[in-house]
Amino acid sequence: MSHVPHELAEEFPEFVEKMSELKVSDAHFAKMFDDYHELNRKVHRAETNVEPREELSEVDLRKRRGSLKDEIYAYLKAL
């Protein structure tokens, strides 16, 4: 279990500029970006016991974050 936040800029450094542009020009991307940030924050807070969760709840959050990260990556690659 990692206690390091998985920020999108760190996950996809090759797309930092593109993500910055899309956050202001593409409403769909902006929503995915915001949703990922919120899920990532919840996972990080659970992993560091700032807001502890039951194990299954934490696993579900991680799965949702991973799925959304995959969706964001596919979106970035398609453009």
C-alpha atoms as a PDB file:
ATOM      1  CA  MET A   1       0.000   0.000   0.000  1.00  0.00           C
ATOM      2  CA  SER A   2       1.457   3.329  -1.069  1.00  0.00           C
ATOM      3  CA  HIS A   3       1.027   6.480   0.955  1.00  0.00           C
ATOM      4  CA  VAL A   4       2.196   8.655  -1.916  1.00  0.00           C
ATOM      5  CA  PRO A   5      -0.513  10.610  -3.726  1.00  0.00           C
ATOM      6  CA  HIS A   6      -1.000   9.543  -7.335  1.00  0.00           C
ATOM      7  CA  GLU A   7      -1.360  12.972  -8.917  1.00  0.00           C
ATOM      8  CA  LEU A   8      -2.040  12.928 -12.649  1.00  0.00           C
ATOM      9  CA  ALA A   9       0.940  15.166 -13.400  1.00  0.00           C
ATOM     10  CA  GLU A  10       3.171  12.546 -11.765  1.00  0.00           C
ATOM     11  CA  GLU A  11       1.376   9.630 -13.406  1.00  0.00           C
ATOM     12  CA  PHE A  12       1.465  11.143 -16.912  1.00  0.00           C
ATOM     13  CA  PRO A  13       4.325  13.682 -17.024  1.00  0.00           C
ATOM     14  CA  GLU A  14       4.345  13.575 -20.829  1.00  0.00           C
ATOM     15  CA  PHE A  15       0.778  14.968 -20.858  1.00  0.00           C
ATOM     16  CA  VAL A  16       1.077  17.769 -18.287  1.00  0.00           C
ATOM     17  CA  GLU A  17       0.733  20.556 -20.849  1.00  0.00           C
ATOM     18  CA  LYS A  18      -2.117  18.819 -22.670  1.00  0.00           C
ATOM     19  CA  MET A  19      -3.972  18.225 -19.382  1.00  0.00           C
ATOM     20  CA  SER A  20      -3.631  21.902 -18.457  1.00  0.00           C
ATOM     21  CA  GLU A  21      -5.124  22.920 -21.790  1.00  0.00           C
ATOM     22  CA  LEU A  22      -7.927  20.368 -21.656  1.00  0.00           C
ATOM     23  CA  LYS A  23      -8.973  21.343 -18.129  1.00  0.00           C
ATOM     24  CA  VAL A  24     -10.108  24.716 -19.493  1.00  0.00           C
ATOM     25  CA  SER A  25     -11.184  23.773 -23.019  1.00  0.00           C
ATOM     26  CA  ASP A  26     -12.863  20.365 -22.640  1.00  0.00           C
ATOM     27  CA  ALA A  27     -15.709  20.002 -20.125  1.00  0.00           C
ATOM     28  CA  HIS A  28     -15.661  16.194 -20.296  1.00  0.00           C
ATOM     29  CA  PHE A  29     -11.936  16.044 -19.537  1.00  0.00           C
ATOM     30  CA  ALA A  30     -12.299  18.646 -16.779  1.00  0.00           C
ATOM     31  CA  LYS A  31     -14.966  16.480 -15.115  1.00  0.00           C
ATOM     32  CA  MET A  32     -12.809  13.341 -15.358  1.00  0.00           C
ATOM     33  CA  PHE A  33      -9.832  15.294 -13.988  1.00  0.00           C
ATOM     34  CA  ASP A  34     -11.836  16.649 -11.046  1.00  0.00           C
ATOM     35  CA  ASP A  35     -13.389  13.237 -10.323  1.00  0.00           C
ATOM     36  CA  TYR A  36      -9.938  11.627 -10.351  1.00  0.00           C
ATOM     37  CA  HIS A  37      -8.557  14.292  -8.024  1.00  0.00           C
ATOM     38  CA  GLU A  38     -11.438  13.730  -5.583  1.00  0.00           C
ATOM     39  CA  LEU A  39     -11.058   9.927  -5.643  1.00  0.00           C
ATOM     40  CA  ASN A  40      -7.296  10.233  -5.270  1.00  0.00           C
ATOM     41  CA  ARG A  41      -7.722  12.510  -2.261  1.00  0.00           C
ATOM     42  CA  LYS A  42     -10.112  10.025  -0.634  1.00  0.00           C
ATOM     43  CA  VAL A  43      -7.714   7.122  -1.239  1.00  0.00           C
ATOM     44  CA  HIS A  44      -4.763   9.052   0.147  1.00  0.00           C
ATOM     45  CA  ARG A  45      -6.702  10.134   3.233  1.00  0.00           C
ATOM     46  CA  ALA A  46      -7.832   6.548   3.830  1.00  0.00           C
ATOM     47  CA  GLU A  47      -4.331   5.121   3.361  1.00  0.00           C
ATOM     48  CA  THR A  48      -2.804   7.612   5.787  1.00  0.00           C
ATOM     49  CA  ASN A  49      -5.622   7.037   8.324  1.00  0.00           C
ATOM     50  CA  VAL A  50      -6.701  10.658   8.223  1.00  0.00           C
ATOM     51  CA  GLU A  51     -10.137   9.336   7.252  1.00  0.00           C
ATOM     52  CA  PRO A  52      -9.971   5.578   7.883  1.00  0.00           C
ATOM     53  CA  ARG A  53     -12.315   3.303   5.929  1.00  0.00           C
ATOM     54  CA  GLU A  54     -13.205  -0.336   5.995  1.00  0.00           C
ATOM     55  CA  GLU A  55     -10.796  -2.347   3.845  1.00  0.00           C
ATOM     56  CA  LEU A  56     -13.385  -3.176   1.163  1.00  0.00           C
ATOM     57  CA  SER A  57     -14.374   0.465   0.870  1.00  0.00           C
ATOM     58  CA  GLU A  58     -10.737   1.486   0.463  1.00  0.00           C
ATOM     59  CA  VAL A  59     -10.165  -1.238  -2.147  1.00  0.00           C
ATOM     60  CA  ASP A  60     -13.242  -0.052  -4.048  1.00  0.00           C
ATOM     61  CA  LEU A  61     -11.917   3.509  -4.073  1.00  0.00           C
ATOM     62  CA  ARG A  62      -8.567   2.309  -5.424  1.00  0.00           C
ATOM     63  CA  LYS A  63     -10.280   0.300  -8.165  1.00  0.00           C
ATOM     64  CA  ARG A  64     -12.412   3.277  -9.171  1.00  0.00           C
ATOM     65  CA  ARG A  65      -9.327   5.520  -9.212  1.00  0.00           C
ATOM     66  CA  GLY A  66      -7.443   3.024 -11.372  1.00  0.00           C
ATOM     67  CA  SER A  67     -10.328   2.688 -13.797  1.00  0.00           C
ATOM     68  CA  LEU A  68     -10.682   6.451 -14.115  1.00  0.00           C
ATOM     69  CA  LYS A  69      -6.915   6.826 -14.570  1.00  0.00           C
ATOM     70  CA  ASP A  70      -7.101   4.299 -17.428  1.00  0.00           C
ATOM     71  CA  GLU A  71      -9.976   6.244 -18.969  1.00  0.00           C
ATOM     72  CA  ILE A  72      -8.057   9.518 -18.708  1.00  0.00           C
ATOM     73  CA  TYR A  73      -4.959   7.959 -20.263  1.00  0.00           C
ATOM     74  CA  ALA A  74      -6.976   6.554 -23.174  1.00  0.00           C
ATOM     75  CA  TYR A  75      -8.587   9.969 -23.666  1.00  0.00           C
ATOM     76  CA  LEU A  76      -5.214  11.729 -23.700  1.00  0.00           C
ATOM     77  CA  LYS A  77      -3.724   9.194 -26.130  1.00  0.00           C
ATOM     78  CA  ALA A  78      -6.681   9.527 -28.520  1.00  0.00           C
ATOM     79  CA  LEU A  79      -6.224  13.285 -28.952  1.00  0.00           C
END
